[in-house]
Each structure stands twice: as structure tokens, then as C-alpha cells.
Amino acid sequence: EVEEKSGGAPRRQKVQSAQIATDILKGLADLSPSTSLSKLAQHL
């Protein structure tokens, strides 16, 4: 969620979290060739 202000009032808009997705992709690369969900979650 990012918050933008329009006319002084905050407006919430949901956008895709590239940062978290990138972190997960990096985690998959770190633990390649494959990993379990629990190990990936612990790693991240």
C-alpha cells in the first residue's frame, strides 16, 4: 500500500510489491537449485 495525497486527503492505492518479490527471487537463487517453503521463509 502506498499513500498519495490529493487535495489534502490521503488516498490509498494497492500496488504490487516489487521489493518483496525481488527478495524472494534472490532467496530462491541463494538456495538453488530448489528449496522448501520453510527453509526459504527462514532464509528471508
PDB file of all heavy atoms in Angstrom:
ATOM      1  N   GLU A   1       0.845  -1.193   0.000  1.00  0.00           N
ATOM      2  CA  GLU A   1       0.000   0.000   0.000  1.00  0.00           C
ATOM      3  C   GLU A   1       0.878   1.240   0.000  1.00  0.00           C
ATOM      4  O   GLU A   1       1.813   1.362   0.780  1.00  0.00           O
ATOM      5  CB  GLU A   1      -0.893   0.005   1.231  1.00  0.00           C
ATOM      6  CG  GLU A   1      -1.952  -1.077   1.184  1.00  0.00           C
ATOM      7  CD  GLU A   1      -2.923  -0.973   2.335  1.00  0.00           C
ATOM      8  OE1 GLU A   1      -2.668  -0.169   3.245  1.00  0.00           O
ATOM      9  OE2 GLU A   1      -3.925  -1.693   2.314  1.00  0.00           O
ATOM     10  N   VAL A   2       0.571   2.156  -0.895  1.00  0.00           N
ATOM     11  CA  VAL A   2       1.246   3.446  -0.904  1.00  0.00           C
ATOM     12  C   VAL A   2       0.199   4.511  -0.665  1.00  0.00           C
ATOM     13  O   VAL A   2      -0.963   4.356  -1.027  1.00  0.00           O
ATOM     14  CB  VAL A   2       1.959   3.712  -2.250  1.00  0.00           C
ATOM     15  CG1 VAL A   2       3.099   2.758  -2.430  1.00  0.00           C
ATOM     16  CG2 VAL A   2       1.003   3.660  -3.396  1.00  0.00           C
ATOM     17  N   GLU A   3       0.627   5.551  -0.065  1.00  0.00           N
ATOM     18  CA  GLU A   3      -0.310   6.606   0.295  1.00  0.00           C
ATOM     19  C   GLU A   3      -0.011   7.840  -0.539  1.00  0.00           C
ATOM     20  O   GLU A   3       1.128   8.300  -0.597  1.00  0.00           O
ATOM     21  CB  GLU A   3      -0.154   6.919   1.781  1.00  0.00           C
ATOM     22  CG  GLU A   3      -1.419   7.444   2.406  1.00  0.00           C
ATOM     23  CD  GLU A   3      -1.252   7.539   3.897  1.00  0.00           C
ATOM     24  OE1 GLU A   3      -0.397   8.326   4.334  1.00  0.00           O
ATOM     25  OE2 GLU A   3      -1.959   6.833   4.611  1.00  0.00           O
ATOM     26  N   GLU A   4      -0.985   8.313  -1.242  1.00  0.00           N
ATOM     27  CA  GLU A   4      -0.848   9.535  -2.011  1.00  0.00           C
ATOM     28  C   GLU A   4      -1.834  10.558  -1.479  1.00  0.00           C
ATOM     29  O   GLU A   4      -2.929  10.214  -1.060  1.00  0.00           O
ATOM     30  CB  GLU A   4      -1.143   9.270  -3.499  1.00  0.00           C
ATOM     31  CG  GLU A   4      -0.159   8.308  -4.142  1.00  0.00           C
ATOM     32  CD  GLU A   4      -0.483   8.102  -5.600  1.00  0.00           C
ATOM     33  OE1 GLU A   4      -1.467   8.730  -6.067  1.00  0.00           O
ATOM     34  OE2 GLU A   4       0.214   7.324  -6.254  1.00  0.00           O
ATOM     35  N   LYS A   5      -1.463  11.814  -1.525  1.00  0.00           N
ATOM     36  CA  LYS A   5      -2.330  12.870  -1.039  1.00  0.00           C
ATOM     37  C   LYS A   5      -2.901  13.639  -2.211  1.00  0.00           C
ATOM     38  O   LYS A   5      -2.183  14.065  -3.094  1.00  0.00           O
ATOM     39  CB  LYS A   5      -1.565  13.811  -0.099  1.00  0.00           C
ATOM     40  CG  LYS A   5      -1.170  13.133   1.207  1.00  0.00           C
ATOM     41  CD  LYS A   5      -0.575  14.134   2.169  1.00  0.00           C
ATOM     42  CE  LYS A   5      -0.254  13.475   3.504  1.00  0.00           C
ATOM     43  NZ  LYS A   5       0.304  14.425   4.461  1.00  0.00           N
ATOM     44  N   SER A   6      -4.185  13.768  -2.218  1.00  0.00           N
ATOM     45  CA  SER A   6      -4.865  14.525  -3.261  1.00  0.00           C
ATOM     46  C   SER A   6      -5.843  15.466  -2.578  1.00  0.00           C
ATOM     47  O   SER A   6      -6.785  15.035  -1.932  1.00  0.00           O
ATOM     48  CB  SER A   6      -5.613  13.580  -4.206  1.00  0.00           C
ATOM     49  OG  SER A   6      -6.317  14.306  -5.174  1.00  0.00           O
ATOM     50  N   GLY A   7      -5.578  16.788  -2.731  1.00  0.00           N
ATOM     51  CA  GLY A   7      -6.440  17.765  -2.072  1.00  0.00           C
ATOM     52  C   GLY A   7      -6.378  17.673  -0.572  1.00  0.00           C
ATOM     53  O   GLY A   7      -7.352  17.942   0.112  1.00  0.00           O
ATOM     54  N   GLY A   8      -5.220  17.253  -0.045  1.00  0.00           N
ATOM     55  CA  GLY A   8      -5.047  17.193   1.395  1.00  0.00           C
ATOM     56  C   GLY A   8      -5.541  15.907   2.004  1.00  0.00           C
ATOM     57  O   GLY A   8      -5.289  15.647   3.166  1.00  0.00           O
ATOM     58  N   ALA A   9      -6.253  15.074   1.267  1.00  0.00           N
ATOM     59  CA  ALA A   9      -6.790  13.833   1.821  1.00  0.00           C
ATOM     60  C   ALA A   9      -5.977  12.656   1.312  1.00  0.00           C
ATOM     61  O   ALA A   9      -5.727  12.543   0.109  1.00  0.00           O
ATOM     62  CB  ALA A   9      -8.250  13.659   1.419  1.00  0.00           C
ATOM     63  N   PRO A  10      -5.529  11.747   2.217  1.00  0.00           N
ATOM     64  CA  PRO A  10      -4.746  10.597   1.785  1.00  0.00           C
ATOM     65  C   PRO A  10      -5.591   9.646   0.941  1.00  0.00           C
ATOM     66  O   PRO A  10      -6.747   9.413   1.237  1.00  0.00           O
ATOM     67  CB  PRO A  10      -4.301   9.948   3.089  1.00  0.00           C
ATOM     68  CG  PRO A  10      -5.313  10.362   4.088  1.00  0.00           C
ATOM     69  CD  PRO A  10      -5.753  11.729   3.683  1.00  0.00           C
ATOM     70  N   ARG A  11      -5.004   9.116  -0.109  1.00  0.00           N
ATOM     71  CA  ARG A  11      -5.692   8.142  -0.942  1.00  0.00           C
ATOM     72  C   ARG A  11      -4.825   6.891  -1.003  1.00  0.00           C
ATOM     73  O   ARG A  11      -3.670   6.929  -1.379  1.00  0.00           O
ATOM     74  CB  ARG A  11      -5.897   8.699  -2.350  1.00  0.00           C
ATOM     75  CG  ARG A  11      -6.577   7.715  -3.298  1.00  0.00           C
ATOM     76  CD  ARG A  11      -7.015   8.426  -4.564  1.00  0.00           C
ATOM     77  NE  ARG A  11      -5.912   9.043  -5.263  1.00  0.00           N
ATOM     78  CZ  ARG A  11      -5.166   8.421  -6.179  1.00  0.00           C
ATOM     79  NH1 ARG A  11      -5.401   7.169  -6.483  1.00  0.00           N
ATOM     80  NH2 ARG A  11      -4.180   9.060  -6.774  1.00  0.00           N
ATOM     81  N   ARG A  12      -5.408   5.761  -0.608  1.00  0.00           N
ATOM     82  CA  ARG A  12      -4.667   4.505  -0.580  1.00  0.00           C
ATOM     83  C   ARG A  12      -4.853   3.761  -1.902  1.00  0.00           C
ATOM     84  O   ARG A  12      -5.954   3.667  -2.409  1.00  0.00           O
ATOM     85  CB  ARG A  12      -5.137   3.624   0.579  1.00  0.00           C
ATOM     86  CG  ARG A  12      -4.739   4.174   1.939  1.00  0.00           C
ATOM     87  CD  ARG A  12      -5.075   3.189   3.042  1.00  0.00           C
ATOM     88  NE  ARG A  12      -4.613   3.663   4.320  1.00  0.00           N
ATOM     89  CZ  ARG A  12      -3.402   3.498   4.797  1.00  0.00           C
ATOM     90  NH1 ARG A  12      -2.488   2.883   4.063  1.00  0.00           N
ATOM     91  NH2 ARG A  12      -3.053   3.955   5.969  1.00  0.00           N
ATOM     92  N   GLN A  13      -3.772   3.278  -2.400  1.00  0.00           N
ATOM     93  CA  GLN A  13      -3.830   2.511  -3.634  1.00  0.00           C
ATOM     94  C   GLN A  13      -2.925   1.300  -3.474  1.00  0.00           C
ATOM     95  O   GLN A  13      -1.775   1.416  -3.056  1.00  0.00           O
ATOM     96  CB  GLN A  13      -3.350   3.355  -4.825  1.00  0.00           C
ATOM     97  CG  GLN A  13      -3.355   2.602  -6.141  1.00  0.00           C
ATOM     98  CD  GLN A  13      -2.764   3.447  -7.250  1.00  0.00           C
ATOM     99  OE1 GLN A  13      -2.253   4.522  -6.995  1.00  0.00           O
ATOM    100  NE2 GLN A  13      -2.835   2.944  -8.465  1.00  0.00           N
ATOM    101  N   LYS A  14      -3.461   0.133  -3.792  1.00  0.00           N
ATOM    102  CA  LYS A  14      -2.668  -1.088  -3.685  1.00  0.00           C
ATOM    103  C   LYS A  14      -1.883  -1.307  -4.972  1.00  0.00           C
ATOM    104  O   LYS A  14      -2.424  -1.303  -6.055  1.00  0.00           O
ATOM    105  CB  LYS A  14      -3.577  -2.295  -3.424  1.00  0.00           C
ATOM    106  CG  LYS A  14      -4.159  -2.310  -2.019  1.00  0.00           C
ATOM    107  CD  LYS A  14      -4.891  -3.600  -1.757  1.00  0.00           C
ATOM    108  CE  LYS A  14      -5.364  -3.656  -0.319  1.00  0.00           C
ATOM    109  NZ  LYS A  14      -6.037  -4.929  -0.021  1.00  0.00           N
ATOM    110  N   VAL A  15      -0.583  -1.488  -4.826  1.00  0.00           N
ATOM    111  CA  VAL A  15       0.266  -1.781  -5.965  1.00  0.00           C
ATOM    112  C   VAL A  15       1.119  -3.003  -5.624  1.00  0.00           C
ATOM    113  O   VAL A  15       1.297  -3.362  -4.465  1.00  0.00           O
ATOM    114  CB  VAL A  15       1.173  -0.588  -6.325  1.00  0.00           C
ATOM    115  CG1 VAL A  15       0.363   0.615  -6.727  1.00  0.00           C
ATOM    116  CG2 VAL A  15       2.111  -0.273  -5.178  1.00  0.00           C
ATOM    117  N   GLN A  16       1.657  -3.627  -6.630  1.00  0.00           N
ATOM    118  CA  GLN A  16       2.450  -4.827  -6.426  1.00  0.00           C
ATOM    119  C   GLN A  16       3.773  -4.500  -5.755  1.00  0.00           C
ATOM    120  O   GLN A  16       4.426  -3.517  -6.088  1.00  0.00           O
ATOM    121  CB  GLN A  16       2.701  -5.510  -7.766  1.00  0.00           C
ATOM    122  CG  GLN A  16       2.964  -6.987  -7.618  1.00  0.00           C
ATOM    123  CD  GLN A  16       2.562  -7.758  -8.855  1.00  0.00           C
ATOM    124  OE1 GLN A  16       2.841  -7.325  -9.950  1.00  0.00           O
ATOM    125  NE2 GLN A  16       1.917  -8.870  -8.664  1.00  0.00           N
ATOM    126  N   SER A  17       4.148  -5.341  -4.797  1.00  0.00           N
ATOM    127  CA  SER A  17       5.384  -5.103  -4.064  1.00  0.00           C
ATOM    128  C   SER A  17       6.565  -5.734  -4.791  1.00  0.00           C
ATOM    129  O   SER A  17       6.853  -6.914  -4.639  1.00  0.00           O
ATOM    130  CB  SER A  17       5.285  -5.671  -2.657  1.00  0.00           C
ATOM    131  OG  SER A  17       6.533  -5.572  -2.017  1.00  0.00           O
ATOM    132  N   ALA A  18       7.232  -4.931  -5.583  1.00  0.00           N
ATOM    133  CA  ALA A  18       8.399  -5.439  -6.313  1.00  0.00           C
ATOM    134  C   ALA A  18       9.529  -5.809  -5.355  1.00  0.00           C
ATOM    135  O   ALA A  18      10.275  -6.757  -5.599  1.00  0.00           O
ATOM    136  CB  ALA A  18       8.877  -4.391  -7.311  1.00  0.00           C
ATOM    137  N   GLN A  19       9.641  -5.059  -4.261  1.00  0.00           N
ATOM    138  CA  GLN A  19      10.735  -5.307  -3.331  1.00  0.00           C
ATOM    139  C   GLN A  19      10.646  -6.694  -2.718  1.00  0.00           C
ATOM    140  O   GLN A  19      11.624  -7.449  -2.682  1.00  0.00           O
ATOM    141  CB  GLN A  19      10.741  -4.249  -2.217  1.00  0.00           C
ATOM    142  CG  GLN A  19      11.866  -4.417  -1.211  1.00  0.00           C
ATOM    143  CD  GLN A  19      13.229  -4.272  -1.841  1.00  0.00           C
ATOM    144  OE1 GLN A  19      13.525  -3.259  -2.453  1.00  0.00           O
ATOM    145  NE2 GLN A  19      14.064  -5.297  -1.709  1.00  0.00           N
ATOM    146  N   ILE A  20       9.468  -7.064  -2.237  1.00  0.00           N
ATOM    147  CA  ILE A  20       9.315  -8.373  -1.596  1.00  0.00           C
ATOM    148  C   ILE A  20       9.482  -9.478  -2.625  1.00  0.00           C
ATOM    149  O   ILE A  20      10.127 -10.500  -2.372  1.00  0.00           O
ATOM    150  CB  ILE A  20       7.950  -8.478  -0.886  1.00  0.00           C
ATOM    151  CG1 ILE A  20       7.877  -7.452   0.244  1.00  0.00           C
ATOM    152  CG2 ILE A  20       7.735  -9.879  -0.337  1.00  0.00           C
ATOM    153  CD1 ILE A  20       6.539  -7.407   0.960  1.00  0.00           C
ATOM    154  N   ALA A  21       8.909  -9.283  -3.813  1.00  0.00           N
ATOM    155  CA  ALA A  21       9.043 -10.296  -4.861  1.00  0.00           C
ATOM    156  C   ALA A  21      10.512 -10.483  -5.227  1.00  0.00           C
ATOM    157  O   ALA A  21      10.985 -11.618  -5.410  1.00  0.00           O
ATOM    158  CB  ALA A  21       8.238  -9.883  -6.086  1.00  0.00           C
ATOM    159  N   THR A  22      11.259  -9.373  -5.312  1.00  0.00           N
ATOM    160  CA  THR A  22      12.679  -9.459  -5.641  1.00  0.00           C
ATOM    161  C   THR A  22      13.443 -10.196  -4.555  1.00  0.00           C
ATOM    162  O   THR A  22      14.326 -11.015  -4.843  1.00  0.00           O
ATOM    163  CB  THR A  22      13.268  -8.048  -5.826  1.00  0.00           C
ATOM    164  OG1 THR A  22      12.565  -7.377  -6.877  1.00  0.00           O
ATOM    165  CG2 THR A  22      14.739  -8.114  -6.158  1.00  0.00           C
ATOM    166  N   ASP A  23      13.115  -9.922  -3.297  1.00  0.00           N
ATOM    167  CA  ASP A  23      13.772 -10.611  -2.188  1.00  0.00           C
ATOM    168  C   ASP A  23      13.530 -12.115  -2.264  1.00  0.00           C
ATOM    169  O   ASP A  23      14.438 -12.920  -1.999  1.00  0.00           O
ATOM    170  CB  ASP A  23      13.265 -10.076  -0.851  1.00  0.00           C
ATOM    171  CG  ASP A  23      13.775  -8.672  -0.552  1.00  0.00           C
ATOM    172  OD1 ASP A  23      14.736  -8.241  -1.217  1.00  0.00           O
ATOM    173  OD2 ASP A  23      13.208  -8.009   0.339  1.00  0.00           O
ATOM    174  N   ILE A  24      12.326 -12.501  -2.632  1.00  0.00           N
ATOM    175  CA  ILE A  24      12.008 -13.926  -2.719  1.00  0.00           C
ATOM    176  C   ILE A  24      12.761 -14.565  -3.878  1.00  0.00           C
ATOM    177  O   ILE A  24      13.289 -15.681  -3.762  1.00  0.00           O
ATOM    178  CB  ILE A  24      10.485 -14.134  -2.847  1.00  0.00           C
ATOM    179  CG1 ILE A  24       9.817 -13.765  -1.510  1.00  0.00           C
ATOM    180  CG2 ILE A  24      10.146 -15.578  -3.233  1.00  0.00           C
ATOM    181  CD1 ILE A  24       8.326 -13.809  -1.531  1.00  0.00           C
ATOM    182  N   LEU A  25      12.845 -13.875  -5.012  1.00  0.00           N
ATOM    183  CA  LEU A  25      13.601 -14.400  -6.139  1.00  0.00           C
ATOM    184  C   LEU A  25      15.082 -14.547  -5.777  1.00  0.00           C
ATOM    185  O   LEU A  25      15.728 -15.541  -6.138  1.00  0.00           O
ATOM    186  CB  LEU A  25      13.445 -13.494  -7.353  1.00  0.00           C
ATOM    187  CG  LEU A  25      12.070 -13.507  -8.026  1.00  0.00           C
ATOM    188  CD1 LEU A  25      11.989 -12.424  -9.086  1.00  0.00           C
ATOM    189  CD2 LEU A  25      11.777 -14.872  -8.637  1.00  0.00           C
ATOM    190  N   LYS A  26      15.622 -13.568  -5.068  1.00  0.00           N
ATOM    191  CA  LYS A  26      17.014 -13.668  -4.620  1.00  0.00           C
ATOM    192  C   LYS A  26      17.188 -14.848  -3.665  1.00  0.00           C
ATOM    193  O   LYS A  26      18.201 -15.552  -3.709  1.00  0.00           O
ATOM    194  CB  LYS A  26      17.448 -12.372  -3.933  1.00  0.00           C
ATOM    195  CG  LYS A  26      17.637 -11.192  -4.876  1.00  0.00           C
ATOM    196  CD  LYS A  26      18.039  -9.946  -4.097  1.00  0.00           C
ATOM    197  CE  LYS A  26      18.234  -8.757  -5.019  1.00  0.00           C
ATOM    198  NZ  LYS A  26      18.562  -7.526  -4.238  1.00  0.00           N
ATOM    199  N   GLY A  27      16.197 -15.063  -2.802  1.00  0.00           N
ATOM    200  CA  GLY A  27      16.248 -16.195  -1.889  1.00  0.00           C
ATOM    201  C   GLY A  27      16.243 -17.520  -2.627  1.00  0.00           C
ATOM    202  O   GLY A  27      16.988 -18.447  -2.278  1.00  0.00           O
ATOM    203  N   LEU A  28      15.424 -17.625  -3.669  1.00  0.00           N
ATOM    204  CA  LEU A  28      15.404 -18.845  -4.483  1.00  0.00           C
ATOM    205  C   LEU A  28      16.754 -19.058  -5.162  1.00  0.00           C
ATOM    206  O   LEU A  28      17.222 -20.194  -5.293  1.00  0.00           O
ATOM    207  CB  LEU A  28      14.290 -18.767  -5.531  1.00  0.00           C
ATOM    208  CG  LEU A  28      12.859 -18.868  -5.008  1.00  0.00           C
ATOM    209  CD1 LEU A  28      11.866 -18.583  -6.133  1.00  0.00           C
ATOM    210  CD2 LEU A  28      12.592 -20.245  -4.399  1.00  0.00           C
ATOM    211  N   ALA A  29      17.383 -17.975  -5.580  1.00  0.00           N
ATOM    212  CA  ALA A  29      18.708 -18.079  -6.202  1.00  0.00           C
ATOM    213  C   ALA A  29      19.750 -18.513  -5.179  1.00  0.00           C
ATOM    214  O   ALA A  29      20.592 -19.371  -5.451  1.00  0.00           O
ATOM    215  CB  ALA A  29      19.100 -16.747  -6.829  1.00  0.00           C
ATOM    216  N   ASP A  30      19.690 -17.936  -3.974  1.00  0.00           N
ATOM    217  CA  ASP A  30      20.637 -18.295  -2.917  1.00  0.00           C
ATOM    218  C   ASP A  30      20.543 -19.766  -2.554  1.00  0.00           C
ATOM    219  O   ASP A  30      21.555 -20.409  -2.245  1.00  0.00           O
ATOM    220  CB  ASP A  30      20.382 -17.457  -1.662  1.00  0.00           C
ATOM    221  CG  ASP A  30      20.763 -15.997  -1.832  1.00  0.00           C
ATOM    222  OD1 ASP A  30      21.546 -15.700  -2.744  1.00  0.00           O
ATOM    223  OD2 ASP A  30      20.255 -15.165  -1.062  1.00  0.00           O
ATOM    224  N   LEU A  31      19.323 -20.303  -2.559  1.00  0.00           N
ATOM    225  CA  LEU A  31      19.081 -21.675  -2.111  1.00  0.00           C
ATOM    226  C   LEU A  31      18.926 -22.640  -3.279  1.00  0.00           C
ATOM    227  O   LEU A  31      18.402 -23.738  -3.100  1.00  0.00           O
ATOM    228  CB  LEU A  31      17.834 -21.716  -1.218  1.00  0.00           C
ATOM    229  CG  LEU A  31      17.899 -20.832   0.035  1.00  0.00           C
ATOM    230  CD1 LEU A  31      16.572 -20.854   0.787  1.00  0.00           C
ATOM    231  CD2 LEU A  31      19.026 -21.280   0.961  1.00  0.00           C
ATOM    232  N   SER A  32      19.342 -22.212  -4.466  1.00  0.00           N
ATOM    233  CA  SER A  32      19.203 -23.064  -5.654  1.00  0.00           C
ATOM    234  C   SER A  32      19.994 -24.369  -5.466  1.00  0.00           C
ATOM    235  O   SER A  32      20.955 -24.408  -4.700  1.00  0.00           O
ATOM    236  CB  SER A  32      19.694 -22.309  -6.889  1.00  0.00           C
ATOM    237  OG  SER A  32      21.074 -22.049  -6.785  1.00  0.00           O
ATOM    238  N   PRO A  33      19.596 -25.468  -6.139  1.00  0.00           N
ATOM    239  CA  PRO A  33      18.612 -25.485  -7.224  1.00  0.00           C
ATOM    240  C   PRO A  33      17.153 -25.465  -6.774  1.00  0.00           C
ATOM    241  O   PRO A  33      16.289 -25.117  -7.549  1.00  0.00           O
ATOM    242  CB  PRO A  33      18.947 -26.792  -7.948  1.00  0.00           C
ATOM    243  CG  PRO A  33      19.508 -27.669  -6.889  1.00  0.00           C
ATOM    244  CD  PRO A  33      20.282 -26.771  -5.980  1.00  0.00           C
ATOM    245  N   SER A  34      16.852 -25.871  -5.536  1.00  0.00           N
ATOM    246  CA  SER A  34      15.464 -25.825  -5.060  1.00  0.00           C
ATOM    247  C   SER A  34      15.466 -25.798  -3.542  1.00  0.00           C
ATOM    248  O   SER A  34      16.467 -26.143  -2.900  1.00  0.00           O
ATOM    249  CB  SER A  34      14.664 -27.023  -5.578  1.00  0.00           C
ATOM    250  OG  SER A  34      15.167 -28.230  -5.040  1.00  0.00           O
ATOM    251  N   THR A  35      14.335 -25.404  -2.973  1.00  0.00           N
ATOM    252  CA  THR A  35      14.249 -25.308  -1.522  1.00  0.00           C
ATOM    253  C   THR A  35      12.812 -25.474  -1.066  1.00  0.00           C
ATOM    254  O   THR A  35      11.872 -25.285  -1.836  1.00  0.00           O
ATOM    255  CB  THR A  35      14.801 -23.951  -1.044  1.00  0.00           C
ATOM    256  OG1 THR A  35      14.793 -23.908   0.387  1.00  0.00           O
ATOM    257  CG2 THR A  35      13.938 -22.799  -1.566  1.00  0.00           C
ATOM    258  N   SER A  36      12.657 -25.812   0.190  1.00  0.00           N
ATOM    259  CA  SER A  36      11.319 -25.933   0.776  1.00  0.00           C
ATOM    260  C   SER A  36      10.805 -24.565   1.190  1.00  0.00           C
ATOM    261  O   SER A  36      11.580 -23.612   1.331  1.00  0.00           O
ATOM    262  CB  SER A  36      11.353 -26.857   1.992  1.00  0.00           C
ATOM    263  OG  SER A  36      12.130 -26.266   3.030  1.00  0.00           O
ATOM    264  N   LEU A  37       9.514 -24.466   1.379  1.00  0.00           N
ATOM    265  CA  LEU A  37       8.908 -23.208   1.823  1.00  0.00           C
ATOM    266  C   LEU A  37       9.475 -22.789   3.170  1.00  0.00           C
ATOM    267  O   LEU A  37       9.799 -21.611   3.385  1.00  0.00           O
ATOM    268  CB  LEU A  37       7.390 -23.360   1.905  1.00  0.00           C
ATOM    269  CG  LEU A  37       6.622 -22.177   2.501  1.00  0.00           C
ATOM    270  CD1 LEU A  37       6.824 -20.931   1.652  1.00  0.00           C
ATOM    271  CD2 LEU A  37       5.137 -22.515   2.622  1.00  0.00           C
ATOM    272  N   SER A  38       9.619 -23.728   4.093  1.00  0.00           N
ATOM    273  CA  SER A  38      10.093 -23.377   5.436  1.00  0.00           C
ATOM    274  C   SER A  38      11.522 -22.848   5.409  1.00  0.00           C
ATOM    275  O   SER A  38      11.848 -21.865   6.081  1.00  0.00           O
ATOM    276  CB  SER A  38      10.003 -24.595   6.367  1.00  0.00           C
ATOM    277  OG  SER A  38      10.777 -25.672   5.867  1.00  0.00           O
ATOM    278  N   LYS A  39      12.393 -23.477   4.607  1.00  0.00           N
ATOM    279  CA  LYS A  39      13.778 -23.008   4.525  1.00  0.00           C
ATOM    280  C   LYS A  39      13.863 -21.644   3.863  1.00  0.00           C
ATOM    281  O   LYS A  39      14.650 -20.787   4.271  1.00  0.00           O
ATOM    282  CB  LYS A  39      14.629 -24.024   3.755  1.00  0.00           C
ATOM    283  CG  LYS A  39      14.946 -25.280   4.543  1.00  0.00           C
ATOM    284  CD  LYS A  39      15.874 -26.198   3.755  1.00  0.00           C
ATOM    285  CE  LYS A  39      16.221 -27.434   4.571  1.00  0.00           C
ATOM    286  NZ  LYS A  39      17.102 -28.368   3.818  1.00  0.00           N
ATOM    287  N   LEU A  40      13.033 -21.438   2.841  1.00  0.00           N
ATOM    288  CA  LEU A  40      13.030 -20.143   2.167  1.00  0.00           C
ATOM    289  C   LEU A  40      12.547 -19.052   3.111  1.00  0.00           C
ATOM    290  O   LEU A  40      13.138 -17.963   3.185  1.00  0.00           O
ATOM    291  CB  LEU A  40      12.142 -20.208   0.924  1.00  0.00           C
ATOM    292  CG  LEU A  40      12.023 -18.916   0.108  1.00  0.00           C
ATOM    293  CD1 LEU A  40      13.381 -18.446  -0.385  1.00  0.00           C
ATOM    294  CD2 LEU A  40      11.068 -19.112  -1.064  1.00  0.00           C
ATOM    295  N   ALA A  41      11.489 -19.322   3.856  1.00  0.00           N
ATOM    296  CA  ALA A  41      10.957 -18.340   4.806  1.00  0.00           C
ATOM    297  C   ALA A  41      11.988 -18.019   5.884  1.00  0.00           C
ATOM    298  O   ALA A  41      12.180 -16.851   6.254  1.00  0.00           O
ATOM    299  CB  ALA A  41       9.676 -18.875   5.424  1.00  0.00           C
ATOM    300  N   GLN A  42      12.677 -19.062   6.374  1.00  0.00           N
ATOM    301  CA  GLN A  42      13.705 -18.846   7.393  1.00  0.00           C
ATOM    302  C   GLN A  42      14.853 -18.015   6.833  1.00  0.00           C
ATOM    303  O   GLN A  42      15.372 -17.111   7.501  1.00  0.00           O
ATOM    304  CB  GLN A  42      14.218 -20.194   7.891  1.00  0.00           C
ATOM    305  CG  GLN A  42      15.263 -20.081   9.000  1.00  0.00           C
ATOM    306  CD  GLN A  42      15.735 -21.445   9.478  1.00  0.00           C
ATOM    307  OE1 GLN A  42      15.514 -22.456   8.815  1.00  0.00           O
ATOM    308  NE2 GLN A  42      16.382 -21.491  10.620  1.00  0.00           N
ATOM    309  N   HIS A  43      15.250 -18.321   5.610  1.00  0.00           N
ATOM    310  CA  HIS A  43      16.343 -17.592   4.958  1.00  0.00           C
ATOM    311  C   HIS A  43      16.006 -16.116   4.784  1.00  0.00           C
ATOM    312  O   HIS A  43      16.874 -15.250   4.940  1.00  0.00           O
ATOM    313  CB  HIS A  43      16.625 -18.233   3.590  1.00  0.00           C
ATOM    314  CG  HIS A  43      17.706 -17.568   2.805  1.00  0.00           C
ATOM    315  ND1 HIS A  43      19.047 -17.710   3.104  1.00  0.00           N
ATOM    316  CD2 HIS A  43      17.644 -16.745   1.711  1.00  0.00           C
ATOM    317  CE1 HIS A  43      19.767 -17.006   2.242  1.00  0.00           C
ATOM    318  NE2 HIS A  43      18.952 -16.413   1.388  1.00  0.00           N
ATOM    319  N   LEU A  44      14.741 -15.830   4.471  1.00  0.00           N
ATOM    320  CA  LEU A  44      14.312 -14.455   4.224  1.00  0.00           C
ATOM    321  C   LEU A  44      13.898 -13.724   5.495  1.00  0.00           C
ATOM    322  O   LEU A  44      13.767 -12.498   5.487  1.00  0.00           O
ATOM    323  CB  LEU A  44      13.138 -14.455   3.241  1.00  0.00           C
ATOM    324  CG  LEU A  44      13.440 -14.957   1.834  1.00  0.00           C
ATOM    325  CD1 LEU A  44      12.149 -15.152   1.051  1.00  0.00           C
ATOM    326  CD2 LEU A  44      14.358 -13.994   1.101  1.00  0.00           C
TER     327      LEU A  44
END
